[in-house]
């Protein structure tokens, strides 16, 4: 997702959160899933750190194969300690999202 209106639609939908990330999700009616990432400068002040976290989020999304589902996801980074080592938390959250989307 690239445009603000797409993000706004998803951010006002259901969500799942833990200490490090908050994932918003909604059905999109398309063939595949779309991913949006919110990693602000206040949360992650360094550009290198922000890009590493975004790369880890994209990789976890790709590996978890959520793309087969028809959902839009927005992952918001909540904690400055969100390093690439937190990929296990992301995988857990993505599996919880899949479970919840099965009930939508």
PDB file of N, CA and C in Angstrom:
ATOM      1  N   UNK A   1       0.839  -1.173   0.000  1.00  0.00           N
ATOM      2  CA  UNK A   1       0.000   0.000   0.000  1.00  0.00           C
ATOM      3  C   UNK A   1       0.881   1.232   0.000  1.00  0.00           C
ATOM      4  N   UNK A   2       0.485   2.191  -0.788  1.00  0.00           N
ATOM      5  CA  UNK A   2       1.316   3.376  -0.911  1.00  0.00           C
ATOM      6  C   UNK A   2       0.578   4.668  -0.584  1.00  0.00           C
ATOM      7  N   UNK A   3      -0.745   4.663  -0.687  1.00  0.00           N
ATOM      8  CA  UNK A   3      -1.484   5.908  -0.518  1.00  0.00           C
ATOM      9  C   UNK A   3      -2.120   6.012   0.855  1.00  0.00           C
ATOM     10  N   UNK A   4      -2.307   7.254   1.290  1.00  0.00           N
ATOM     11  CA  UNK A   4      -2.820   7.524   2.632  1.00  0.00           C
ATOM     12  C   UNK A   4      -4.233   6.996   2.830  1.00  0.00           C
ATOM     13  N   UNK A   5      -5.084   7.078   1.811  1.00  0.00           N
ATOM     14  CA  UNK A   5      -6.456   6.608   1.978  1.00  0.00           C
ATOM     15  C   UNK A   5      -6.511   5.097   2.201  1.00  0.00           C
ATOM     16  N   UNK A   6      -5.599   4.344   1.592  1.00  0.00           N
ATOM     17  CA  UNK A   6      -5.525   2.908   1.841  1.00  0.00           C
ATOM     18  C   UNK A   6      -5.115   2.607   3.270  1.00  0.00           C
ATOM     19  N   UNK A   7      -4.145   3.356   3.771  1.00  0.00           N
ATOM     20  CA  UNK A   7      -3.709   3.188   5.153  1.00  0.00           C
ATOM     21  C   UNK A   7      -4.838   3.538   6.116  1.00  0.00           C
ATOM     22  N   UNK A   8      -5.531   4.652   5.866  1.00  0.00           N
ATOM     23  CA  UNK A   8      -6.610   5.084   6.759  1.00  0.00           C
ATOM     24  C   UNK A   8      -7.709   4.040   6.854  1.00  0.00           C
ATOM     25  N   UNK A   9      -8.051   3.436   5.728  1.00  0.00           N
ATOM     26  CA  UNK A   9      -9.098   2.416   5.724  1.00  0.00           C
ATOM     27  C   UNK A   9      -8.705   1.225   6.599  1.00  0.00           C
ATOM     28  N   UNK A  10      -7.454   0.814   6.528  1.00  0.00           N
ATOM     29  CA  UNK A  10      -6.997  -0.360   7.276  1.00  0.00           C
ATOM     30  C   UNK A  10      -6.782  -0.028   8.750  1.00  0.00           C
ATOM     31  N   UNK A  11      -6.254   1.152   9.040  1.00  0.00           N
ATOM     32  CA  UNK A  11      -5.929   1.512  10.424  1.00  0.00           C
ATOM     33  C   UNK A  11      -7.183   1.624  11.286  1.00  0.00           C
ATOM     34  N   UNK A  12      -8.326   1.833  10.677  1.00  0.00           N
ATOM     35  CA  UNK A  12      -9.567   1.912  11.445  1.00  0.00           C
ATOM     36  C   UNK A  12     -10.294   0.568  11.494  1.00  0.00           C
ATOM     37  N   UNK A  13      -9.612  -0.501  11.151  1.00  0.00           N
ATOM     38  CA  UNK A  13     -10.205  -1.841  11.162  1.00  0.00           C
ATOM     39  C   UNK A  13      -9.702  -2.615  12.384  1.00  0.00           C
ATOM     40  N   UNK A  14      -9.849  -3.936  12.345  1.00  0.00           N
ATOM     41  CA  UNK A  14      -9.402  -4.783  13.459  1.00  0.00           C
ATOM     42  C   UNK A  14      -7.892  -4.731  13.611  1.00  0.00           C
ATOM     43  N   UNK A  15      -7.418  -5.042  14.830  1.00  0.00           N
ATOM     44  CA  UNK A  15      -5.975  -5.051  15.043  1.00  0.00           C
ATOM     45  C   UNK A  15      -5.582  -6.086  16.075  1.00  0.00           C
ATOM     46  N   UNK A  16      -4.319  -6.454  16.007  1.00  0.00           N
ATOM     47  CA  UNK A  16      -3.678  -7.351  16.971  1.00  0.00           C
ATOM     48  C   UNK A  16      -2.366  -6.686  17.352  1.00  0.00           C
ATOM     49  N   UNK A  17      -2.020  -6.733  18.639  1.00  0.00           N
ATOM     50  CA  UNK A  17      -0.820  -6.024  19.071  1.00  0.00           C
ATOM     51  C   UNK A  17      -0.039  -6.837  20.088  1.00  0.00           C
ATOM     52  N   UNK A  18       1.241  -6.528  20.159  1.00  0.00           N
ATOM     53  CA  UNK A  18       2.086  -6.985  21.249  1.00  0.00           C
ATOM     54  C   UNK A  18       2.964  -5.805  21.650  1.00  0.00           C
ATOM     55  N   UNK A  19       4.016  -6.077  22.390  1.00  0.00           N
ATOM     56  CA  UNK A  19       4.868  -5.007  22.903  1.00  0.00           C
ATOM     57  C   UNK A  19       5.586  -4.249  21.786  1.00  0.00           C
ATOM     58  N   UNK A  20       5.924  -4.929  20.706  1.00  0.00           N
ATOM     59  CA  UNK A  20       6.767  -4.343  19.674  1.00  0.00           C
ATOM     60  C   UNK A  20       6.010  -3.860  18.438  1.00  0.00           C
ATOM     61  N   UNK A  21       4.943  -4.544  18.072  1.00  0.00           N
ATOM     62  CA  UNK A  21       4.242  -4.248  16.824  1.00  0.00           C
ATOM     63  C   UNK A  21       2.737  -4.230  17.042  1.00  0.00           C
ATOM     64  N   UNK A  22       2.050  -3.513  16.167  1.00  0.00           N
ATOM     65  CA  UNK A  22       0.594  -3.535  16.116  1.00  0.00           C
ATOM     66  C   UNK A  22       0.219  -3.755  14.656  1.00  0.00           C
ATOM     67  N   UNK A  23      -0.606  -4.773  14.396  1.00  0.00           N
ATOM     68  CA  UNK A  23      -0.988  -5.110  13.032  1.00  0.00           C
ATOM     69  C   UNK A  23      -2.480  -4.851  12.859  1.00  0.00           C
ATOM     70  N   UNK A  24      -2.806  -3.984  11.905  1.00  0.00           N
ATOM     71  CA  UNK A  24      -4.184  -3.712  11.523  1.00  0.00           C
ATOM     72  C   UNK A  24      -4.481  -4.540  10.277  1.00  0.00           C
ATOM     73  N   UNK A  25      -5.701  -5.051  10.159  1.00  0.00           N
ATOM     74  CA  UNK A  25      -6.014  -5.876   8.991  1.00  0.00           C
ATOM     75  C   UNK A  25      -7.490  -5.782   8.638  1.00  0.00           C
ATOM     76  N   UNK A  26      -7.750  -5.941   7.338  1.00  0.00           N
ATOM     77  CA  UNK A  26      -9.118  -5.922   6.817  1.00  0.00           C
ATOM     78  C   UNK A  26      -9.132  -6.676   5.481  1.00  0.00           C
ATOM     79  N   UNK A  27     -10.244  -7.297   5.143  1.00  0.00           N
ATOM     80  CA  UNK A  27     -10.382  -7.964   3.837  1.00  0.00           C
ATOM     81  C   UNK A  27     -10.354  -6.908   2.739  1.00  0.00           C
ATOM     82  N   UNK A  28      -9.733  -7.250   1.589  1.00  0.00           N
ATOM     83  CA  UNK A  28      -9.600  -6.251   0.535  1.00  0.00           C
ATOM     84  C   UNK A  28     -10.320  -6.595  -0.763  1.00  0.00           C
ATOM     85  N   UNK A  29     -10.781  -7.809  -0.959  1.00  0.00           N
ATOM     86  CA  UNK A  29     -11.487  -8.173  -2.179  1.00  0.00           C
ATOM     87  C   UNK A  29     -10.592  -8.287  -3.402  1.00  0.00           C
ATOM     88  N   UNK A  30      -9.294  -8.328  -3.213  1.00  0.00           N
ATOM     89  CA  UNK A  30      -8.352  -8.495  -4.320  1.00  0.00           C
ATOM     90  C   UNK A  30      -7.839  -9.934  -4.329  1.00  0.00           C
ATOM     91  N   UNK A  31      -6.967 -10.240  -5.291  1.00  0.00           N
ATOM     92  CA  UNK A  31      -6.434 -11.598  -5.383  1.00  0.00           C
ATOM     93  C   UNK A  31      -5.372 -11.884  -4.330  1.00  0.00           C
ATOM     94  N   UNK A  32      -4.654 -10.872  -3.892  1.00  0.00           N
ATOM     95  CA  UNK A  32      -3.557 -11.120  -2.955  1.00  0.00           C
ATOM     96  C   UNK A  32      -3.556 -10.073  -1.846  1.00  0.00           C
ATOM     97  N   UNK A  33      -2.711 -10.307  -0.878  1.00  0.00           N
ATOM     98  CA  UNK A  33      -2.605  -9.407   0.267  1.00  0.00           C
ATOM     99  C   UNK A  33      -1.701  -8.225  -0.067  1.00  0.00           C
ATOM    100  N   UNK A  34      -1.935  -7.116   0.640  1.00  0.00           N
ATOM    101  CA  UNK A  34      -1.077  -5.942   0.505  1.00  0.00           C
ATOM    102  C   UNK A  34      -0.544  -5.594   1.889  1.00  0.00           C
ATOM    103  N   UNK A  35       0.667  -5.071   1.915  1.00  0.00           N
ATOM    104  CA  UNK A  35       1.336  -4.751   3.173  1.00  0.00           C
ATOM    105  C   UNK A  35       1.684  -3.275   3.212  1.00  0.00           C
ATOM    106  N   UNK A  36       1.405  -2.652   4.350  1.00  0.00           N
ATOM    107  CA  UNK A  36       1.836  -1.286   4.607  1.00  0.00           C
ATOM    108  C   UNK A  36       2.616  -1.277   5.910  1.00  0.00           C
ATOM    109  N   UNK A  37       3.612  -0.412   6.005  1.00  0.00           N
ATOM    110  CA  UNK A  37       4.461  -0.366   7.197  1.00  0.00           C
ATOM    111  C   UNK A  37       4.514   1.062   7.711  1.00  0.00           C
ATOM    112  N   UNK A  38       4.298   1.216   9.023  1.00  0.00           N
ATOM    113  CA  UNK A  38       4.429   2.511   9.675  1.00  0.00           C
ATOM    114  C   UNK A  38       5.580   2.396  10.664  1.00  0.00           C
ATOM    115  N   UNK A  39       6.666   3.087  10.365  1.00  0.00           N
ATOM    116  CA  UNK A  39       7.841   3.112  11.248  1.00  0.00           C
ATOM    117  C   UNK A  39       8.297   4.566  11.322  1.00  0.00           C
ATOM    118  N   UNK A  40       7.807   5.273  12.317  1.00  0.00           N
ATOM    119  CA  UNK A  40       8.056   6.706  12.411  1.00  0.00           C
ATOM    120  C   UNK A  40       9.420   7.057  12.972  1.00  0.00           C
ATOM    121  N   UNK A  41       9.806   8.299  12.733  1.00  0.00           N
ATOM    122  CA  UNK A  41      11.097   8.784  13.225  1.00  0.00           C
ATOM    123  C   UNK A  41      11.127   8.898  14.741  1.00  0.00           C
ATOM    124  N   UNK A  42       9.983   9.127  15.356  1.00  0.00           N
ATOM    125  CA  UNK A  42       9.959   9.201  16.828  1.00  0.00           C
ATOM    126  C   UNK A  42      10.228   7.838  17.450  1.00  0.00           C
ATOM    127  N   UNK A  43       9.689   6.803  16.826  1.00  0.00           N
ATOM    128  CA  UNK A  43       9.870   5.450  17.349  1.00  0.00           C
ATOM    129  C   UNK A  43      11.253   4.915  17.044  1.00  0.00           C
ATOM    130  N   UNK A  44      11.693   5.091  15.802  1.00  0.00           N
ATOM    131  CA  UNK A  44      13.006   4.608  15.357  1.00  0.00           C
ATOM    132  C   UNK A  44      13.762   5.793  14.770  1.00  0.00           C
ATOM    133  N   UNK A  45      14.559   6.476  15.573  1.00  0.00           N
ATOM    134  CA  UNK A  45      15.167   7.730  15.119  1.00  0.00           C
ATOM    135  C   UNK A  45      16.183   7.584  13.992  1.00  0.00           C
ATOM    136  N   UNK A  46      16.877   6.477  13.906  1.00  0.00           N
ATOM    137  CA  UNK A  46      17.897   6.318  12.872  1.00  0.00           C
ATOM    138  C   UNK A  46      17.331   5.706  11.602  1.00  0.00           C
ATOM    139  N   UNK A  47      17.715   6.254  10.450  1.00  0.00           N
ATOM    140  CA  UNK A  47      17.220   5.745   9.173  1.00  0.00           C
ATOM    141  C   UNK A  47      17.649   4.298   8.936  1.00  0.00           C
ATOM    142  N   UNK A  48      18.855   3.972   9.330  1.00  0.00           N
ATOM    143  CA  UNK A  48      19.347   2.603   9.138  1.00  0.00           C
ATOM    144  C   UNK A  48      18.511   1.629   9.959  1.00  0.00           C
ATOM    145  N   UNK A  49      18.232   1.985  11.195  1.00  0.00           N
ATOM    146  CA  UNK A  49      17.420   1.136  12.067  1.00  0.00           C
ATOM    147  C   UNK A  49      16.000   0.987  11.503  1.00  0.00           C
ATOM    148  N   UNK A  50      15.418   2.096  11.036  1.00  0.00           N
ATOM    149  CA  UNK A  50      14.078   2.056  10.442  1.00  0.00           C
ATOM    150  C   UNK A  50      14.038   1.121   9.236  1.00  0.00           C
ATOM    151  N   UNK A  51      15.029   1.234   8.366  1.00  0.00           N
ATOM    152  CA  UNK A  51      15.054   0.400   7.166  1.00  0.00           C
ATOM    153  C   UNK A  51      15.263  -1.073   7.491  1.00  0.00           C
ATOM    154  N   UNK A  52      16.068  -1.369   8.496  1.00  0.00           N
ATOM    155  CA  UNK A  52      16.271  -2.769   8.902  1.00  0.00           C
ATOM    156  C   UNK A  52      14.976  -3.381   9.414  1.00  0.00           C
ATOM    157  N   UNK A  53      14.255  -2.619  10.220  1.00  0.00           N
ATOM    158  CA  UNK A  53      12.995  -3.128  10.757  1.00  0.00           C
ATOM    159  C   UNK A  53      11.984  -3.331   9.633  1.00  0.00           C
ATOM    160  N   UNK A  54      11.899  -2.383   8.707  1.00  0.00           N
ATOM    161  CA  UNK A  54      10.970  -2.526   7.585  1.00  0.00           C
ATOM    162  C   UNK A  54      11.337  -3.729   6.721  1.00  0.00           C
ATOM    163  N   UNK A  55      12.623  -3.948   6.522  1.00  0.00           N
ATOM    164  CA  UNK A  55      13.079  -5.111   5.755  1.00  0.00           C
ATOM    165  C   UNK A  55      12.692  -6.408   6.465  1.00  0.00           C
ATOM    166  N   UNK A  56      12.843  -6.445   7.786  1.00  0.00           N
ATOM    167  CA  UNK A  56      12.481  -7.640   8.555  1.00  0.00           C
ATOM    168  C   UNK A  56      10.974  -7.893   8.488  1.00  0.00           C
ATOM    169  N   UNK A  57      10.180  -6.831   8.525  1.00  0.00           N
ATOM    170  CA  UNK A  57       8.724  -6.979   8.433  1.00  0.00           C
ATOM    171  C   UNK A  57       8.335  -7.540   7.067  1.00  0.00           C
ATOM    172  N   UNK A  58       8.909  -6.993   6.003  1.00  0.00           N
ATOM    173  CA  UNK A  58       8.603  -7.487   4.658  1.00  0.00           C
ATOM    174  C   UNK A  58       9.010  -8.949   4.497  1.00  0.00           C
ATOM    175  N   UNK A  59      10.154  -9.319   5.046  1.00  0.00           N
ATOM    176  CA  UNK A  59      10.625 -10.703   4.940  1.00  0.00           C
ATOM    177  C   UNK A  59       9.715 -11.655   5.720  1.00  0.00           C
ATOM    178  N   UNK A  60       9.296 -11.267   6.920  1.00  0.00           N
ATOM    179  CA  UNK A  60       8.386 -12.105   7.701  1.00  0.00           C
ATOM    180  C   UNK A  60       7.049 -12.261   6.976  1.00  0.00           C
ATOM    181  N   UNK A  61       6.574 -11.191   6.361  1.00  0.00           N
ATOM    182  CA  UNK A  61       5.335 -11.233   5.578  1.00  0.00           C
ATOM    183  C   UNK A  61       5.483 -12.199   4.406  1.00  0.00           C
ATOM    184  N   UNK A  62       6.610 -12.118   3.709  1.00  0.00           N
ATOM    185  CA  UNK A  62       6.857 -12.982   2.557  1.00  0.00           C
ATOM    186  C   UNK A  62       6.960 -14.445   2.976  1.00  0.00           C
ATOM    187  N   UNK A  63       7.677 -14.708   4.057  1.00  0.00           N
ATOM    188  CA  UNK A  63       7.881 -16.084   4.500  1.00  0.00           C
ATOM    189  C   UNK A  63       6.611 -16.709   5.057  1.00  0.00           C
ATOM    190  N   UNK A  64       5.764 -15.898   5.640  1.00  0.00           N
ATOM    191  CA  UNK A  64       4.570 -16.459   6.270  1.00  0.00           C
ATOM    192  C   UNK A  64       3.466 -16.780   5.266  1.00  0.00           C
ATOM    193  N   UNK A  65       3.644 -16.373   4.040  1.00  0.00           N
ATOM    194  CA  UNK A  65       2.724 -16.689   2.946  1.00  0.00           C
ATOM    195  C   UNK A  65       1.317 -16.146   3.172  1.00  0.00           C
ATOM    196  N   UNK A  66       1.234 -14.988   3.765  1.00  0.00           N
ATOM    197  CA  UNK A  66      -0.066 -14.337   3.922  1.00  0.00           C
ATOM    198  C   UNK A  66      -0.565 -13.841   2.568  1.00  0.00           C
ATOM    199  N   UNK A  67       0.335 -13.714   1.590  1.00  0.00           N
ATOM    200  CA  UNK A  67      -0.036 -13.174   0.285  1.00  0.00           C
ATOM    201  C   UNK A  67      -1.162 -13.957  -0.369  1.00  0.00           C
ATOM    202  N   UNK A  68      -1.340 -15.203   0.017  1.00  0.00           N
ATOM    203  CA  UNK A  68      -2.387 -16.019  -0.582  1.00  0.00           C
ATOM    204  C   UNK A  68      -3.773 -15.567  -0.132  1.00  0.00           C
ATOM    205  N   UNK A  69      -3.849 -14.827   0.960  1.00  0.00           N
ATOM    206  CA  UNK A  69      -5.135 -14.375   1.473  1.00  0.00           C
ATOM    207  C   UNK A  69      -5.486 -13.005   0.919  1.00  0.00           C
ATOM    208  N   UNK A  70      -6.751 -12.677   0.954  1.00  0.00           N
ATOM    209  CA  UNK A  70      -7.241 -11.410   0.424  1.00  0.00           C
ATOM    210  C   UNK A  70      -7.396 -10.395   1.545  1.00  0.00           C
ATOM    211  N   UNK A  71      -6.275  -9.959   2.112  1.00  0.00           N
ATOM    212  CA  UNK A  71      -6.337  -8.992   3.206  1.00  0.00           C
ATOM    213  C   UNK A  71      -5.324  -7.878   2.990  1.00  0.00           C
ATOM    214  N   UNK A  72      -5.640  -6.735   3.570  1.00  0.00           N
ATOM    215  CA  UNK A  72      -4.700  -5.628   3.645  1.00  0.00           C
ATOM    216  C   UNK A  72      -4.167  -5.582   5.066  1.00  0.00           C
ATOM    217  N   UNK A  73      -2.860  -5.440   5.198  1.00  0.00           N
ATOM    218  CA  UNK A  73      -2.216  -5.372   6.509  1.00  0.00           C
ATOM    219  C   UNK A  73      -1.440  -4.075   6.626  1.00  0.00           C
ATOM    220  N   UNK A  74      -1.482  -3.476   7.805  1.00  0.00           N
ATOM    221  CA  UNK A  74      -0.595  -2.364   8.127  1.00  0.00           C
ATOM    222  C   UNK A  74       0.096  -2.738   9.425  1.00  0.00           C
ATOM    223  N   UNK A  75       1.424  -2.791   9.390  1.00  0.00           N
ATOM    224  CA  UNK A  75       2.220  -3.110  10.576  1.00  0.00           C
ATOM    225  C   UNK A  75       2.793  -1.809  11.107  1.00  0.00           C
ATOM    226  N   UNK A  76       2.458  -1.494  12.360  1.00  0.00           N
ATOM    227  CA  UNK A  76       2.969  -0.291  12.996  1.00  0.00           C
ATOM    228  C   UNK A  76       4.009  -0.694  14.044  1.00  0.00           C
ATOM    229  N   UNK A  77       5.179  -0.095  13.960  1.00  0.00           N
ATOM    230  CA  UNK A  77       6.241  -0.360  14.925  1.00  0.00           C
ATOM    231  C   UNK A  77       5.944   0.472  16.164  1.00  0.00           C
ATOM    232  N   UNK A  78       5.897  -0.176  17.333  1.00  0.00           N
ATOM    233  CA  UNK A  78       5.496   0.504  18.555  1.00  0.00           C
ATOM    234  C   UNK A  78       6.646   0.821  19.500  1.00  0.00           C
ATOM    235  N   UNK A  79       7.759   0.127  19.365  1.00  0.00           N
ATOM    236  CA  UNK A  79       8.823   0.231  20.360  1.00  0.00           C
ATOM    237  C   UNK A  79      10.157   0.441  19.667  1.00  0.00           C
ATOM    238  N   UNK A  80      10.998   1.272  20.239  1.00  0.00           N
ATOM    239  CA  UNK A  80      12.313   1.548  19.656  1.00  0.00           C
ATOM    240  C   UNK A  80      13.218   0.329  19.704  1.00  0.00           C
ATOM    241  N   UNK A  81      12.863  -0.676  20.485  1.00  0.00           N
ATOM    242  CA  UNK A  81      13.662  -1.894  20.581  1.00  0.00           C
ATOM    243  C   UNK A  81      13.262  -2.910  19.503  1.00  0.00           C
ATOM    244  N   UNK A  82      12.550  -2.465  18.482  1.00  0.00           N
ATOM    245  CA  UNK A  82      12.082  -3.358  17.417  1.00  0.00           C
ATOM    246  C   UNK A  82      13.213  -3.621  16.440  1.00  0.00           C
ATOM    247  N   UNK A  83      14.002  -4.620  16.721  1.00  0.00           N
ATOM    248  CA  UNK A  83      15.121  -4.959  15.848  1.00  0.00           C
ATOM    249  C   UNK A  83      14.750  -6.133  14.964  1.00  0.00           C
ATOM    250  N   UNK A  84      15.602  -6.437  14.035  1.00  0.00           N
ATOM    251  CA  UNK A  84      15.346  -7.551  13.124  1.00  0.00           C
ATOM    252  C   UNK A  84      15.276  -8.879  13.878  1.00  0.00           C
ATOM    253  N   UNK A  85      15.827  -8.921  15.094  1.00  0.00           N
ATOM    254  CA  UNK A  85      15.793 -10.150  15.890  1.00  0.00           C
ATOM    255  C   UNK A  85      14.384 -10.467  16.380  1.00  0.00           C
ATOM    256  N   UNK A  86      13.459  -9.547  16.233  1.00  0.00           N
ATOM    257  CA  UNK A  86      12.094  -9.759  16.709  1.00  0.00           C
ATOM    258  C   UNK A  86      11.222 -10.448  15.662  1.00  0.00           C
ATOM    259  N   UNK A  87      11.824 -11.106  14.699  1.00  0.00           N
ATOM    260  CA  UNK A  87      11.046 -11.730  13.632  1.00  0.00           C
ATOM    261  C   UNK A  87      10.145 -12.849  14.155  1.00  0.00           C
ATOM    262  N   UNK A  88      10.505 -13.470  15.259  1.00  0.00           N
ATOM    263  CA  UNK A  88       9.646 -14.506  15.839  1.00  0.00           C
ATOM    264  C   UNK A  88       8.330 -13.907  16.318  1.00  0.00           C
ATOM    265  N   UNK A  89       8.387 -12.713  16.910  1.00  0.00           N
ATOM    266  CA  UNK A  89       7.161 -12.049  17.331  1.00  0.00           C
ATOM    267  C   UNK A  89       6.289 -11.719  16.128  1.00  0.00           C
ATOM    268  N   UNK A  90       6.927 -11.296  15.040  1.00  0.00           N
ATOM    269  CA  UNK A  90       6.180 -10.994  13.819  1.00  0.00           C
ATOM    270  C   UNK A  90       5.497 -12.239  13.270  1.00  0.00           C
ATOM    271  N   UNK A  91       6.213 -13.349  13.250  1.00  0.00           N
ATOM    272  CA  UNK A  91       5.624 -14.589  12.739  1.00  0.00           C
ATOM    273  C   UNK A  91       4.428 -15.009  13.593  1.00  0.00           C
ATOM    274  N   UNK A  92       4.548 -14.847  14.903  1.00  0.00           N
ATOM    275  CA  UNK A  92       3.442 -15.169  15.796  1.00  0.00           C
ATOM    276  C   UNK A  92       2.245 -14.265  15.519  1.00  0.00           C
ATOM    277  N   UNK A  93       2.504 -12.965  15.355  1.00  0.00           N
ATOM    278  CA  UNK A  93       1.414 -12.035  15.068  1.00  0.00           C
ATOM    279  C   UNK A  93       0.763 -12.330  13.720  1.00  0.00           C
ATOM    280  N   UNK A  94       1.570 -12.642  12.707  1.00  0.00           N
ATOM    281  CA  UNK A  94       1.007 -12.960  11.394  1.00  0.00           C
ATOM    282  C   UNK A  94       0.134 -14.213  11.455  1.00  0.00           C
ATOM    283  N   UNK A  95       0.533 -15.202  12.244  1.00  0.00           N
ATOM    284  CA  UNK A  95      -0.300 -16.402  12.361  1.00  0.00           C
ATOM    285  C   UNK A  95      -1.603 -16.080  13.099  1.00  0.00           C
ATOM    286  N   UNK A  96      -1.547 -15.179  14.085  1.00  0.00           N
ATOM    287  CA  UNK A  96      -2.773 -14.752  14.767  1.00  0.00           C
ATOM    288  C   UNK A  96      -3.697 -13.999  13.815  1.00  0.00           C
ATOM    289  N   UNK A  97      -3.106 -13.189  12.936  1.00  0.00           N
ATOM    290  CA  UNK A  97      -3.908 -12.469  11.940  1.00  0.00           C
ATOM    291  C   UNK A  97      -4.601 -13.459  11.009  1.00  0.00           C
ATOM    292  N   UNK A  98      -3.879 -14.480  10.561  1.00  0.00           N
ATOM    293  CA  UNK A  98      -4.484 -15.496   9.692  1.00  0.00           C
ATOM    294  C   UNK A  98      -5.657 -16.181  10.379  1.00  0.00           C
ATOM    295  N   UNK A  99      -5.488 -16.503  11.660  1.00  0.00           N
ATOM    296  CA  UNK A  99      -6.569 -17.151  12.398  1.00  0.00           C
ATOM    297  C   UNK A  99      -7.794 -16.243  12.495  1.00  0.00           C
ATOM    298  N   UNK A 100      -7.562 -14.970  12.781  1.00  0.00           N
ATOM    299  CA  UNK A 100      -8.669 -14.022  12.902  1.00  0.00           C
ATOM    300  C   UNK A 100      -9.335 -13.766  11.550  1.00  0.00           C
ATOM    301  N   UNK A 101      -8.548 -13.746  10.469  1.00  0.00           N
ATOM    302  CA  UNK A 101      -9.110 -13.497   9.135  1.00  0.00           C
ATOM    303  C   UNK A 101      -9.962 -14.664   8.664  1.00  0.00           C
ATOM    304  N   UNK A 102      -9.676 -15.841   9.148  1.00  0.00           N
ATOM    305  CA  UNK A 102     -10.497 -16.993   8.783  1.00  0.00           C
ATOM    306  C   UNK A 102     -11.921 -16.818   9.303  1.00  0.00           C
ATOM    307  N   UNK A 103     -12.074 -16.021  10.362  1.00  0.00           N
ATOM    308  CA  UNK A 103     -13.388 -15.797  10.963  1.00  0.00           C
ATOM    309  C   UNK A 103     -14.089 -14.554  10.423  1.00  0.00           C
ATOM    310  N   UNK A 104     -13.425 -13.781   9.558  1.00  0.00           N
ATOM    311  CA  UNK A 104     -14.049 -12.557   9.016  1.00  0.00           C
ATOM    312  C   UNK A 104     -15.084 -12.877   7.963  1.00  0.00           C
TER     313      UNK A 104
END
